Structures are given as structure tokens and as C-alpha cells.
Amino acid sequence: MPENERNAEPGRHVPVARISAVAALLVVGWLLLQGRDEPHWRTIAPGVEFTTLRGEPWCRAGSSEVGVLRLDPSHAVVRVAQYGSTAANRPLNIVEWQQETGAIAVFNAGQFYPDWSYMGLLVSGGHTLSKTLHPGFKGALVAGPAAKRGREPARAIRVLDLAHDSIDAKNPGWREVAQSFMVIDRDGGVRVRSSDKVANRTIVAEDKRGRVLVFTSEGGYTLRDFAEFMKHAPLGVAQAMAMDGGWEAEMCVRTRDFRYASFGRWEAGHEDTDAPGARALLPVVIAVESK
């Protein structure tokens, strides 16, 4: 200890300038952290916003960046697009889907079998394309309610937790439905097991204000880690469901003055960073538009 401090009497000669400087540094550091954590949303169309977030420490491979769309159901529209309705009559890659639909954004919709048929209930424009509810999938992205439900009209876009909500495969009551599995339930519980499977992820969530969030990761995450990322992100996530992961987890956003694309690079069981990316074929996508 320096001589002048050792001989100082208690309560005397307090280094006020030094304390003030340390306090100032702490305040600046806190403000920088707050600024880093707070998302900076860019409005790209009425009811459609976009931001990117960093996913440390949960990212396991590649870039930790996560692209996020936020949709206001009173202005945004989502539609299910299936390859059977295209002129090519074949699965398309994500860039082709954006060109085909002309939508503001497109992202992969759920899981499918090797013959391109969809796993679970799928409804597009009021037409049921896949009629069977998958018994193990308890999540559904729905849009375009066919009628009012109770005294209040249903929100135009929702994530349903089928452990609590119900949907009838014969009469879904929604013009658009894409079924998959839950990641975070309405009580904040994580609905997926811990695993070492690392892959790109596409997740659709609701926030506590009823807005819809669409996440697509640029790098590889386990599902459990991605759930923790969403719970800690300053977005107010209330519940979330997963779309397909791996090379098919993609998003393409395009407006007159804004572009963003994220192509799958990581798939569980593969270490190849030269994965198909935009060449991955998707039989079904969700298209985002604005009223």
C-alpha cells in the first residue's frame, strides 16, 4: 500500500476525483451495454420491421447473427405457399420463392418427408393441402381467421400451442395453417430436450403484445440453446414454435430499399460449411406481405 494511504486517518483525504472517474466509467459501460442489447428496428413496410441480434453465448458454429422480423397482425399478412401452385410445379429455393411470390419476405415452413409431402396440417388460402394433424407436433402458425371467435375478433396471425388451443383438421377455421412443434410454451417453459445437434434454426414466436416474431439464425445452434437465446433477448417472447432447421432454415427479405438473406449453412451431423445454402429446395414457404 502506498505510504500516504497507509498513514491516512479513517474518513480523511478521500480520493473524490478517482471515485468520480470510476463511477463515470461504470455508468458509461452500463449505457453501452444497454445500447448493445436494445434492438434497433427498421420499418421495411407497414406492420413489418426487421432487426438483427447477436446470439452469444449460445451460438455453437459460424456467425451468431440472427435475423428477426416483427409483424403487427393489424397490418401484416402471412400466407402459406406450396409448390403445387407455382408455374414450375416443383420445389423452389428461397430466392426463387421470393421472386415467385413477390412477397416482402419468405421463410421456410415446417418439416416435410422425402417425397416433399408436408408433416402435419397445412392450409393455404382456405384449401387444406395436408389433412392430417401430426400427433407429436403441438404448434401451429395460423392466419386469416375464417370468422369471429367469441365477442372479439381473433388476431389475424397467431402461434397456437395445441396443448392448450385446439384446431380441427376437417374445419380449421383459419385460411392459413402450418403445423410444427413448440419450443417455448405459454408458461415460459422450454418444450425441447437438451441435445448436441447443431443446426441453423427458423423459429416463429408471439411476443407479449401479440406481435409475431420470425427468427432465422445465420449460424448453428441447438434448439435448447436457441430457446435460451430467445428467453434472454429483449423481445418479450411469450411462446414459440420451430419451423424446419438445418440447410432448409432460410429467410429472404426484399423491398425497394432493403435486402437481407440468410441461407442454411449448418445441419446436425454435418460439419460442411459449404452446405447447399440457397440451393436447398423448399416445397412450402411462408410469405409475408403488408396490407
C-alpha atoms as a PDB file:
ATOM      1  CA  MET A   1       0.000   0.000   0.000  1.00  0.00           C
ATOM      2  CA  PRO A   2       1.383   3.481  -0.825  1.00  0.00           C
ATOM      3  CA  GLU A   3       2.807   5.351   2.164  1.00  0.00           C
ATOM      4  CA  ASN A   4       0.362   8.254   2.002  1.00  0.00           C
ATOM      5  CA  GLU A   5      -2.648   5.888   2.049  1.00  0.00           C
ATOM      6  CA  ARG A   6      -1.268   3.756   4.904  1.00  0.00           C
ATOM      7  CA  ASN A   7      -0.811   6.835   7.107  1.00  0.00           C
ATOM      8  CA  ALA A   8      -4.115   8.468   6.260  1.00  0.00           C
ATOM      9  CA  GLU A   9      -6.670   8.710   9.037  1.00  0.00           C
ATOM     10  CA  PRO A  10     -10.020   6.989   8.500  1.00  0.00           C
ATOM     11  CA  GLY A  11     -12.513   9.306   6.843  1.00  0.00           C
ATOM     12  CA  ARG A  12      -9.834  11.753   5.728  1.00  0.00           C
ATOM     13  CA  HIS A  13      -8.328  12.561   2.317  1.00  0.00           C
ATOM     14  CA  VAL A  14     -10.965  10.588   0.312  1.00  0.00           C
ATOM     15  CA  PRO A  15      -9.889  10.431  -3.377  1.00  0.00           C
ATOM     16  CA  VAL A  16     -13.090  12.021  -4.689  1.00  0.00           C
ATOM     17  CA  ALA A  17     -11.769  12.555  -8.212  1.00  0.00           C
ATOM     18  CA  ARG A  18     -10.753   8.892  -8.519  1.00  0.00           C
ATOM     19  CA  ILE A  19     -14.129   7.658  -7.247  1.00  0.00           C
ATOM     20  CA  SER A  20     -15.952  10.013  -9.608  1.00  0.00           C
ATOM     21  CA  ALA A  21     -13.922   8.758 -12.557  1.00  0.00           C
ATOM     22  CA  VAL A  22     -14.651   5.106 -11.712  1.00  0.00           C
ATOM     23  CA  ALA A  23     -18.342   5.881 -11.267  1.00  0.00           C
ATOM     24  CA  ALA A  24     -18.422   7.646 -14.626  1.00  0.00           C
ATOM     25  CA  LEU A  25     -16.804   4.644 -16.322  1.00  0.00           C
ATOM     26  CA  LEU A  26     -19.352   2.319 -14.756  1.00  0.00           C
ATOM     27  CA  VAL A  27     -22.239   4.475 -15.967  1.00  0.00           C
ATOM     28  CA  VAL A  28     -20.790   4.677 -19.490  1.00  0.00           C
ATOM     29  CA  GLY A  29     -20.287   0.905 -19.518  1.00  0.00           C
ATOM     30  CA  TRP A  30     -23.852   0.332 -18.396  1.00  0.00           C
ATOM     31  CA  LEU A  31     -25.194   2.645 -21.093  1.00  0.00           C
ATOM     32  CA  LEU A  32     -23.110   0.895 -23.751  1.00  0.00           C
ATOM     33  CA  LEU A  33     -24.452  -2.459 -22.640  1.00  0.00           C
ATOM     34  CA  GLN A  34     -27.995  -1.150 -22.744  1.00  0.00           C
ATOM     35  CA  GLY A  35     -27.485   0.223 -26.238  1.00  0.00           C
ATOM     36  CA  ARG A  36     -25.985  -3.066 -27.401  1.00  0.00           C
ATOM     37  CA  ASP A  37     -28.854  -5.127 -26.027  1.00  0.00           C
ATOM     38  CA  GLU A  38     -31.710  -2.957 -27.271  1.00  0.00           C
ATOM     39  CA  PRO A  39     -32.797  -3.968 -30.794  1.00  0.00           C
ATOM     40  CA  HIS A  40     -32.743  -1.268 -33.445  1.00  0.00           C
ATOM     41  CA  TRP A  41     -35.839  -1.963 -35.543  1.00  0.00           C
ATOM     42  CA  ARG A  42     -36.089  -0.847 -39.139  1.00  0.00           C
ATOM     43  CA  THR A  43     -39.580  -0.479 -40.607  1.00  0.00           C
ATOM     44  CA  ILE A  44     -39.465  -2.051 -44.070  1.00  0.00           C
ATOM     45  CA  ALA A  45     -43.229  -1.958 -44.762  1.00  0.00           C
ATOM     46  CA  PRO A  46     -46.361  -1.044 -42.793  1.00  0.00           C
ATOM     47  CA  GLY A  47     -46.565  -3.550 -39.945  1.00  0.00           C
ATOM     48  CA  VAL A  48     -43.255  -5.208 -40.850  1.00  0.00           C
ATOM     49  CA  GLU A  49     -39.993  -4.467 -39.001  1.00  0.00           C
ATOM     50  CA  PHE A  50     -36.558  -6.037 -39.179  1.00  0.00           C
ATOM     51  CA  THR A  51     -33.508  -6.239 -36.933  1.00  0.00           C
ATOM     52  CA  THR A  52     -30.513  -8.460 -36.285  1.00  0.00           C
ATOM     53  CA  LEU A  53     -29.340  -9.707 -32.904  1.00  0.00           C
ATOM     54  CA  ARG A  54     -26.174 -11.445 -31.761  1.00  0.00           C
ATOM     55  CA  GLY A  55     -26.649 -14.834 -30.152  1.00  0.00           C
ATOM     56  CA  GLU A  56     -23.605 -15.161 -27.911  1.00  0.00           C
ATOM     57  CA  PRO A  57     -23.002 -17.223 -25.856  1.00  0.00           C
ATOM     58  CA  TRP A  58     -25.481 -19.723 -27.297  1.00  0.00           C
ATOM     59  CA  CYS A  59     -24.203 -19.967 -30.887  1.00  0.00           C
ATOM     60  CA  ARG A  60     -22.143 -23.155 -31.439  1.00  0.00           C
ATOM     61  CA  ALA A  61     -20.965 -22.709 -35.062  1.00  0.00           C
ATOM     62  CA  GLY A  62     -20.493 -19.888 -37.552  1.00  0.00           C
ATOM     63  CA  SER A  63     -21.952 -16.404 -37.249  1.00  0.00           C
ATOM     64  CA  SER A  64     -24.019 -15.709 -34.137  1.00  0.00           C
ATOM     65  CA  GLU A  65     -26.188 -13.202 -36.039  1.00  0.00           C
ATOM     66  CA  VAL A  66     -29.934 -13.827 -36.047  1.00  0.00           C
ATOM     67  CA  GLY A  67     -32.299 -12.056 -38.442  1.00  0.00           C
ATOM     68  CA  VAL A  68     -35.641 -11.125 -36.869  1.00  0.00           C
ATOM     69  CA  LEU A  69     -38.864  -9.996 -38.494  1.00  0.00           C
ATOM     70  CA  ARG A  70     -41.548  -8.437 -36.282  1.00  0.00           C
ATOM     71  CA  LEU A  71     -45.074  -8.440 -37.652  1.00  0.00           C
ATOM     72  CA  ASP A  72     -48.002  -6.367 -36.459  1.00  0.00           C
ATOM     73  CA  PRO A  73     -51.067  -8.554 -37.176  1.00  0.00           C
ATOM     74  CA  SER A  74     -53.215  -5.471 -37.823  1.00  0.00           C
ATOM     75  CA  HIS A  75     -51.086  -4.556 -40.862  1.00  0.00           C
ATOM     76  CA  ALA A  76     -49.024  -7.602 -41.861  1.00  0.00           C
ATOM     77  CA  VAL A  77     -50.313 -10.645 -43.743  1.00  0.00           C
ATOM     78  CA  VAL A  78     -48.839 -14.150 -43.877  1.00  0.00           C
ATOM     79  CA  ARG A  79     -49.685 -16.750 -46.493  1.00  0.00           C
ATOM     80  CA  VAL A  80     -48.723 -20.385 -46.993  1.00  0.00           C
ATOM     81  CA  ALA A  81     -47.257 -21.025 -50.454  1.00  0.00           C
ATOM     82  CA  GLN A  82     -46.871 -24.604 -51.705  1.00  0.00           C
ATOM     83  CA  TYR A  83     -45.007 -25.650 -54.854  1.00  0.00           C
ATOM     84  CA  GLY A  84     -48.092 -27.210 -56.452  1.00  0.00           C
ATOM     85  CA  SER A  85     -49.466 -23.721 -57.055  1.00  0.00           C
ATOM     86  CA  THR A  86     -46.371 -22.499 -58.940  1.00  0.00           C
ATOM     87  CA  ALA A  87     -45.870 -22.439 -62.690  1.00  0.00           C
ATOM     88  CA  ALA A  88     -42.785 -24.645 -62.265  1.00  0.00           C
ATOM     89  CA  ASN A  89     -44.794 -27.169 -60.214  1.00  0.00           C
ATOM     90  CA  ARG A  90     -41.657 -28.134 -58.266  1.00  0.00           C
ATOM     91  CA  PRO A  91     -39.991 -27.143 -55.001  1.00  0.00           C
ATOM     92  CA  LEU A  92     -38.062 -23.869 -55.269  1.00  0.00           C
ATOM     93  CA  ASN A  93     -35.111 -22.402 -53.426  1.00  0.00           C
ATOM     94  CA  ILE A  94     -35.715 -19.465 -51.119  1.00  0.00           C
ATOM     95  CA  VAL A  95     -34.656 -16.820 -53.673  1.00  0.00           C
ATOM     96  CA  GLU A  96     -36.937 -18.351 -56.322  1.00  0.00           C
ATOM     97  CA  TRP A  97     -39.769 -18.347 -53.780  1.00  0.00           C
ATOM     98  CA  GLN A  98     -39.322 -14.633 -53.135  1.00  0.00           C
ATOM     99  CA  GLN A  99     -39.397 -13.975 -56.872  1.00  0.00           C
ATOM    100  CA  GLU A 100     -42.386 -16.289 -57.352  1.00  0.00           C
ATOM    101  CA  THR A 101     -44.487 -14.729 -54.585  1.00  0.00           C
ATOM    102  CA  GLY A 102     -43.280 -11.140 -54.832  1.00  0.00           C
ATOM    103  CA  ALA A 103     -43.599 -11.078 -51.041  1.00  0.00           C
ATOM    104  CA  ILE A 104     -41.705  -8.737 -48.728  1.00  0.00           C
ATOM    105  CA  ALA A 105     -40.224 -11.779 -47.015  1.00  0.00           C
ATOM    106  CA  VAL A 106     -40.325 -15.550 -47.301  1.00  0.00           C
ATOM    107  CA  PHE A 107     -39.076 -18.196 -44.896  1.00  0.00           C
ATOM    108  CA  ASN A 108     -39.195 -21.983 -44.699  1.00  0.00           C
ATOM    109  CA  ALA A 109     -42.404 -23.539 -43.402  1.00  0.00           C
ATOM    110  CA  GLY A 110     -42.242 -26.624 -41.227  1.00  0.00           C
ATOM    111  CA  GLN A 111     -40.905 -30.075 -41.982  1.00  0.00           C
ATOM    112  CA  PHE A 112     -41.528 -32.425 -44.900  1.00  0.00           C
ATOM    113  CA  TYR A 113     -40.958 -36.008 -45.975  1.00  0.00           C
ATOM    114  CA  PRO A 114     -38.525 -37.159 -48.720  1.00  0.00           C
ATOM    115  CA  ASP A 115     -41.398 -37.134 -51.245  1.00  0.00           C
ATOM    116  CA  TRP A 116     -41.938 -33.398 -50.435  1.00  0.00           C
ATOM    117  CA  SER A 117     -45.218 -34.025 -48.625  1.00  0.00           C
ATOM    118  CA  TYR A 118     -45.746 -31.912 -45.519  1.00  0.00           C
ATOM    119  CA  MET A 119     -45.526 -33.238 -41.964  1.00  0.00           C
ATOM    120  CA  GLY A 120     -48.742 -32.130 -40.306  1.00  0.00           C
ATOM    121  CA  LEU A 121     -51.723 -29.937 -41.103  1.00  0.00           C
ATOM    122  CA  LEU A 122     -51.191 -27.467 -43.950  1.00  0.00           C
ATOM    123  CA  VAL A 123     -53.782 -24.982 -45.214  1.00  0.00           C
ATOM    124  CA  SER A 124     -53.231 -22.389 -47.950  1.00  0.00           C
ATOM    125  CA  GLY A 125     -55.838 -19.808 -48.944  1.00  0.00           C
ATOM    126  CA  GLY A 126     -58.553 -21.839 -47.250  1.00  0.00           C
ATOM    127  CA  HIS A 127     -57.602 -25.038 -49.110  1.00  0.00           C
ATOM    128  CA  THR A 128     -56.333 -27.929 -46.980  1.00  0.00           C
ATOM    129  CA  LEU A 129     -53.230 -29.324 -48.675  1.00  0.00           C
ATOM    130  CA  SER A 130     -52.219 -31.766 -45.932  1.00  0.00           C
ATOM    131  CA  LYS A 131     -55.191 -33.038 -43.950  1.00  0.00           C
ATOM    132  CA  THR A 132     -53.556 -34.924 -41.099  1.00  0.00           C
ATOM    133  CA  LEU A 133     -52.655 -33.373 -37.769  1.00  0.00           C
ATOM    134  CA  HIS A 134     -49.225 -34.616 -36.708  1.00  0.00           C
ATOM    135  CA  PRO A 135     -49.775 -36.124 -33.232  1.00  0.00           C
ATOM    136  CA  GLY A 136     -46.327 -35.121 -31.973  1.00  0.00           C
ATOM    137  CA  PHE A 137     -46.430 -31.514 -33.204  1.00  0.00           C
ATOM    138  CA  LYS A 138     -48.123 -29.155 -30.761  1.00  0.00           C
ATOM    139  CA  GLY A 139     -47.516 -25.848 -32.531  1.00  0.00           C
ATOM    140  CA  ALA A 140     -49.325 -24.154 -35.409  1.00  0.00           C
ATOM    141  CA  LEU A 141     -48.787 -20.865 -37.183  1.00  0.00           C
ATOM    142  CA  VAL A 142     -52.250 -19.703 -38.241  1.00  0.00           C
ATOM    143  CA  ALA A 143     -53.547 -16.652 -40.082  1.00  0.00           C
ATOM    144  CA  GLY A 144     -56.704 -15.304 -41.643  1.00  0.00           C
ATOM    145  CA  PRO A 145     -59.403 -16.352 -39.167  1.00  0.00           C
ATOM    146  CA  ALA A 146     -62.492 -17.534 -41.008  1.00  0.00           C
ATOM    147  CA  ALA A 147     -64.844 -15.856 -38.509  1.00  0.00           C
ATOM    148  CA  LYS A 148     -65.000 -14.031 -35.213  1.00  0.00           C
ATOM    149  CA  ARG A 149     -64.315 -16.137 -32.156  1.00  0.00           C
ATOM    150  CA  GLY A 150     -66.401 -15.113 -29.185  1.00  0.00           C
ATOM    151  CA  ARG A 151     -67.060 -11.437 -28.612  1.00  0.00           C
ATOM    152  CA  GLU A 152     -63.763 -10.213 -30.041  1.00  0.00           C
ATOM    153  CA  PRO A 153     -62.323 -10.921 -33.496  1.00  0.00           C
ATOM    154  CA  ALA A 154     -59.361 -13.271 -33.476  1.00  0.00           C
ATOM    155  CA  ARG A 155     -55.945 -11.795 -34.137  1.00  0.00           C
ATOM    156  CA  ALA A 156     -55.082 -12.078 -37.809  1.00  0.00           C
ATOM    157  CA  ILE A 157     -51.840 -14.014 -37.157  1.00  0.00           C
ATOM    158  CA  ARG A 158     -51.188 -16.317 -34.221  1.00  0.00           C
ATOM    159  CA  VAL A 159     -48.987 -19.058 -32.860  1.00  0.00           C
ATOM    160  CA  LEU A 160     -51.191 -21.757 -31.328  1.00  0.00           C
ATOM    161  CA  ASP A 161     -49.999 -24.099 -28.599  1.00  0.00           C
ATOM    162  CA  LEU A 162     -52.060 -27.194 -29.335  1.00  0.00           C
ATOM    163  CA  ALA A 163     -51.518 -28.464 -25.808  1.00  0.00           C
ATOM    164  CA  HIS A 164     -53.968 -25.698 -24.821  1.00  0.00           C
ATOM    165  CA  ASP A 165     -55.562 -24.464 -28.056  1.00  0.00           C
ATOM    166  CA  SER A 166     -57.450 -26.690 -30.450  1.00  0.00           C
ATOM    167  CA  ILE A 167     -57.733 -26.921 -34.206  1.00  0.00           C
ATOM    168  CA  ASP A 168     -59.990 -29.193 -36.251  1.00  0.00           C
ATOM    169  CA  ALA A 169     -58.264 -30.712 -39.282  1.00  0.00           C
ATOM    170  CA  LYS A 170     -61.621 -31.017 -41.092  1.00  0.00           C
ATOM    171  CA  ASN A 171     -62.639 -27.427 -40.345  1.00  0.00           C
ATOM    172  CA  PRO A 172     -59.536 -25.497 -39.266  1.00  0.00           C
ATOM    173  CA  GLY A 173     -61.248 -22.110 -39.028  1.00  0.00           C
ATOM    174  CA  TRP A 174     -58.152 -20.387 -40.470  1.00  0.00           C
ATOM    175  CA  ARG A 175     -57.250 -19.687 -44.092  1.00  0.00           C
ATOM    176  CA  GLU A 176     -53.559 -20.371 -43.463  1.00  0.00           C
ATOM    177  CA  VAL A 177     -52.142 -23.102 -41.211  1.00  0.00           C
ATOM    178  CA  ALA A 178     -48.634 -24.557 -40.891  1.00  0.00           C
ATOM    179  CA  GLN A 179     -48.143 -27.126 -38.126  1.00  0.00           C
ATOM    180  CA  SER A 180     -44.879 -27.875 -36.332  1.00  0.00           C
ATOM    181  CA  PHE A 181     -43.597 -28.328 -32.774  1.00  0.00           C
ATOM    182  CA  MET A 182     -43.406 -25.975 -29.809  1.00  0.00           C
ATOM    183  CA  VAL A 183     -40.123 -24.661 -28.409  1.00  0.00           C
ATOM    184  CA  ILE A 184     -41.364 -22.318 -25.663  1.00  0.00           C
ATOM    185  CA  ASP A 185     -44.858 -22.725 -24.222  1.00  0.00           C
ATOM    186  CA  ARG A 186     -47.171 -20.007 -22.974  1.00  0.00           C
ATOM    187  CA  ASP A 187     -45.949 -20.508 -19.410  1.00  0.00           C
ATOM    188  CA  GLY A 188     -42.369 -19.785 -20.471  1.00  0.00           C
ATOM    189  CA  GLY A 189     -41.323 -23.431 -20.260  1.00  0.00           C
ATOM    190  CA  VAL A 190     -38.855 -24.823 -22.790  1.00  0.00           C
ATOM    191  CA  ARG A 191     -40.569 -27.668 -24.664  1.00  0.00           C
ATOM    192  CA  VAL A 192     -37.454 -29.241 -26.243  1.00  0.00           C
ATOM    193  CA  ARG A 193     -34.820 -31.551 -24.763  1.00  0.00           C
ATOM    194  CA  SER A 194     -31.146 -30.726 -24.418  1.00  0.00           C
ATOM    195  CA  SER A 195     -29.183 -32.061 -27.386  1.00  0.00           C
ATOM    196  CA  ASP A 196     -25.820 -31.673 -29.115  1.00  0.00           C
ATOM    197  CA  LYS A 197     -27.464 -31.331 -32.552  1.00  0.00           C
ATOM    198  CA  VAL A 198     -26.248 -28.040 -34.016  1.00  0.00           C
ATOM    199  CA  ALA A 199     -28.076 -26.522 -36.997  1.00  0.00           C
ATOM    200  CA  ASN A 200     -29.456 -23.325 -38.447  1.00  0.00           C
ATOM    201  CA  ARG A 201     -32.848 -22.517 -36.940  1.00  0.00           C
ATOM    202  CA  THR A 202     -36.075 -20.876 -38.049  1.00  0.00           C
ATOM    203  CA  ILE A 203     -38.471 -20.083 -35.203  1.00  0.00           C
ATOM    204  CA  VAL A 204     -41.836 -18.291 -35.160  1.00  0.00           C
ATOM    205  CA  ALA A 205     -42.937 -16.690 -31.897  1.00  0.00           C
ATOM    206  CA  GLU A 206     -45.509 -14.392 -30.355  1.00  0.00           C
ATOM    207  CA  ASP A 207     -44.451 -11.585 -28.059  1.00  0.00           C
ATOM    208  CA  LYS A 208     -46.389 -10.432 -25.018  1.00  0.00           C
ATOM    209  CA  ARG A 209     -48.169  -7.763 -27.103  1.00  0.00           C
ATOM    210  CA  GLY A 210     -49.451 -10.283 -29.644  1.00  0.00           C
ATOM    211  CA  ARG A 211     -46.954  -9.397 -32.363  1.00  0.00           C
ATOM    212  CA  VAL A 212     -45.349 -12.210 -34.363  1.00  0.00           C
ATOM    213  CA  LEU A 213     -41.566 -12.657 -34.435  1.00  0.00           C
ATOM    214  CA  VAL A 214     -39.729 -14.697 -37.074  1.00  0.00           C
ATOM    215  CA  PHE A 215     -36.149 -15.714 -36.244  1.00  0.00           C
ATOM    216  CA  THR A 216     -33.646 -17.210 -38.685  1.00  0.00           C
ATOM    217  CA  SER A 217     -30.110 -17.903 -37.483  1.00  0.00           C
ATOM    218  CA  GLU A 218     -27.057 -17.392 -39.646  1.00  0.00           C
ATOM    219  CA  GLY A 219     -25.047 -19.873 -37.562  1.00  0.00           C
ATOM    220  CA  GLY A 220     -25.603 -23.173 -35.813  1.00  0.00           C
ATOM    221  CA  TYR A 221     -27.492 -23.532 -32.526  1.00  0.00           C
ATOM    222  CA  THR A 222     -29.008 -26.408 -30.602  1.00  0.00           C
ATOM    223  CA  LEU A 223     -32.751 -25.996 -30.150  1.00  0.00           C
ATOM    224  CA  ARG A 224     -32.373 -25.765 -26.393  1.00  0.00           C
ATOM    225  CA  ASP A 225     -29.728 -23.055 -26.722  1.00  0.00           C
ATOM    226  CA  PHE A 226     -31.858 -21.129 -29.199  1.00  0.00           C
ATOM    227  CA  ALA A 227     -34.755 -21.271 -26.748  1.00  0.00           C
ATOM    228  CA  GLU A 228     -32.494 -19.767 -24.072  1.00  0.00           C
ATOM    229  CA  PHE A 229     -31.367 -17.085 -26.516  1.00  0.00           C
ATOM    230  CA  MET A 230     -34.998 -16.101 -27.178  1.00  0.00           C
ATOM    231  CA  LYS A 231     -35.872 -16.079 -23.482  1.00  0.00           C
ATOM    232  CA  HIS A 232     -32.946 -13.745 -22.735  1.00  0.00           C
ATOM    233  CA  ALA A 233     -33.373 -11.487 -25.788  1.00  0.00           C
ATOM    234  CA  PRO A 234     -35.137  -8.152 -25.047  1.00  0.00           C
ATOM    235  CA  LEU A 235     -38.123  -9.071 -27.224  1.00  0.00           C
ATOM    236  CA  GLY A 236     -40.769 -10.202 -24.728  1.00  0.00           C
ATOM    237  CA  VAL A 237     -41.196 -13.654 -26.284  1.00  0.00           C
ATOM    238  CA  ALA A 238     -44.350 -15.275 -24.897  1.00  0.00           C
ATOM    239  CA  GLN A 239     -44.365 -18.574 -26.832  1.00  0.00           C
ATOM    240  CA  ALA A 240     -42.535 -20.011 -29.824  1.00  0.00           C
ATOM    241  CA  MET A 241     -42.630 -22.858 -32.320  1.00  0.00           C
ATOM    242  CA  ALA A 242     -39.931 -24.262 -34.618  1.00  0.00           C
ATOM    243  CA  MET A 243     -40.006 -24.488 -38.376  1.00  0.00           C
ATOM    244  CA  ASP A 244     -37.523 -26.762 -40.168  1.00  0.00           C
ATOM    245  CA  GLY A 245     -33.846 -26.491 -39.219  1.00  0.00           C
ATOM    246  CA  GLY A 246     -30.557 -27.201 -40.954  1.00  0.00           C
ATOM    247  CA  TRP A 247     -29.889 -26.249 -44.563  1.00  0.00           C
ATOM    248  CA  GLU A 248     -33.584 -25.514 -45.114  1.00  0.00           C
ATOM    249  CA  ALA A 249     -33.679 -22.825 -42.376  1.00  0.00           C
ATOM    250  CA  GLU A 250     -33.677 -19.753 -44.596  1.00  0.00           C
ATOM    251  CA  MET A 251     -35.128 -16.275 -44.948  1.00  0.00           C
ATOM    252  CA  CYS A 252     -35.178 -13.841 -47.859  1.00  0.00           C
ATOM    253  CA  VAL A 253     -36.329 -10.230 -47.368  1.00  0.00           C
ATOM    254  CA  ARG A 254     -36.605  -7.758 -50.212  1.00  0.00           C
ATOM    255  CA  THR A 255     -38.164  -4.328 -50.618  1.00  0.00           C
ATOM    256  CA  ARG A 256     -37.296  -1.447 -52.901  1.00  0.00           C
ATOM    257  CA  ASP A 257     -34.650  -0.126 -50.489  1.00  0.00           C
ATOM    258  CA  PHE A 258     -33.830  -3.086 -48.240  1.00  0.00           C
ATOM    259  CA  ARG A 259     -32.471  -6.588 -48.762  1.00  0.00           C
ATOM    260  CA  TYR A 260     -31.492  -9.385 -46.415  1.00  0.00           C
ATOM    261  CA  ALA A 261     -30.922 -13.102 -46.959  1.00  0.00           C
ATOM    262  CA  SER A 262     -29.883 -15.909 -44.650  1.00  0.00           C
ATOM    263  CA  PHE A 263     -29.146 -19.326 -46.151  1.00  0.00           C
ATOM    264  CA  GLY A 264     -28.743 -22.505 -44.126  1.00  0.00           C
ATOM    265  CA  ARG A 265     -25.101 -23.447 -43.573  1.00  0.00           C
ATOM    266  CA  TRP A 266     -25.236 -25.864 -40.673  1.00  0.00           C
ATOM    267  CA  GLU A 267     -27.087 -29.135 -40.319  1.00  0.00           C
ATOM    268  CA  ALA A 268     -26.984 -31.629 -37.466  1.00  0.00           C
ATOM    269  CA  GLY A 269     -24.410 -34.332 -38.141  1.00  0.00           C
ATOM    270  CA  HIS A 270     -22.547 -32.340 -40.816  1.00  0.00           C
ATOM    271  CA  GLU A 271     -19.503 -30.104 -40.477  1.00  0.00           C
ATOM    272  CA  ASP A 272     -19.578 -28.887 -44.079  1.00  0.00           C
ATOM    273  CA  THR A 273     -19.768 -25.093 -44.225  1.00  0.00           C
ATOM    274  CA  ASP A 274     -20.240 -25.344 -47.995  1.00  0.00           C
ATOM    275  CA  ALA A 275     -23.770 -26.629 -47.422  1.00  0.00           C
ATOM    276  CA  PRO A 276     -26.326 -26.120 -50.201  1.00  0.00           C
ATOM    277  CA  GLY A 277     -27.461 -22.737 -48.888  1.00  0.00           C
ATOM    278  CA  ALA A 278     -29.836 -21.041 -51.314  1.00  0.00           C
ATOM    279  CA  ARG A 279     -29.812 -24.198 -53.425  1.00  0.00           C
ATOM    280  CA  ALA A 280     -31.797 -26.073 -50.779  1.00  0.00           C
ATOM    281  CA  LEU A 281     -35.236 -26.802 -52.224  1.00  0.00           C
ATOM    282  CA  LEU A 282     -38.338 -25.970 -50.197  1.00  0.00           C
ATOM    283  CA  PRO A 283     -41.779 -27.409 -51.023  1.00  0.00           C
ATOM    284  CA  VAL A 284     -43.552 -24.905 -48.751  1.00  0.00           C
ATOM    285  CA  VAL A 285     -42.760 -21.396 -47.508  1.00  0.00           C
ATOM    286  CA  ILE A 286     -44.482 -18.679 -45.514  1.00  0.00           C
ATOM    287  CA  ALA A 287     -44.831 -15.415 -47.451  1.00  0.00           C
ATOM    288  CA  VAL A 288     -45.060 -12.112 -45.573  1.00  0.00           C
ATOM    289  CA  GLU A 289     -46.941  -9.187 -47.094  1.00  0.00           C
ATOM    290  CA  SER A 290     -48.331  -5.852 -45.922  1.00  0.00           C
ATOM    291  CA  LYS A 291     -51.918  -4.638 -46.205  1.00  0.00           C
END
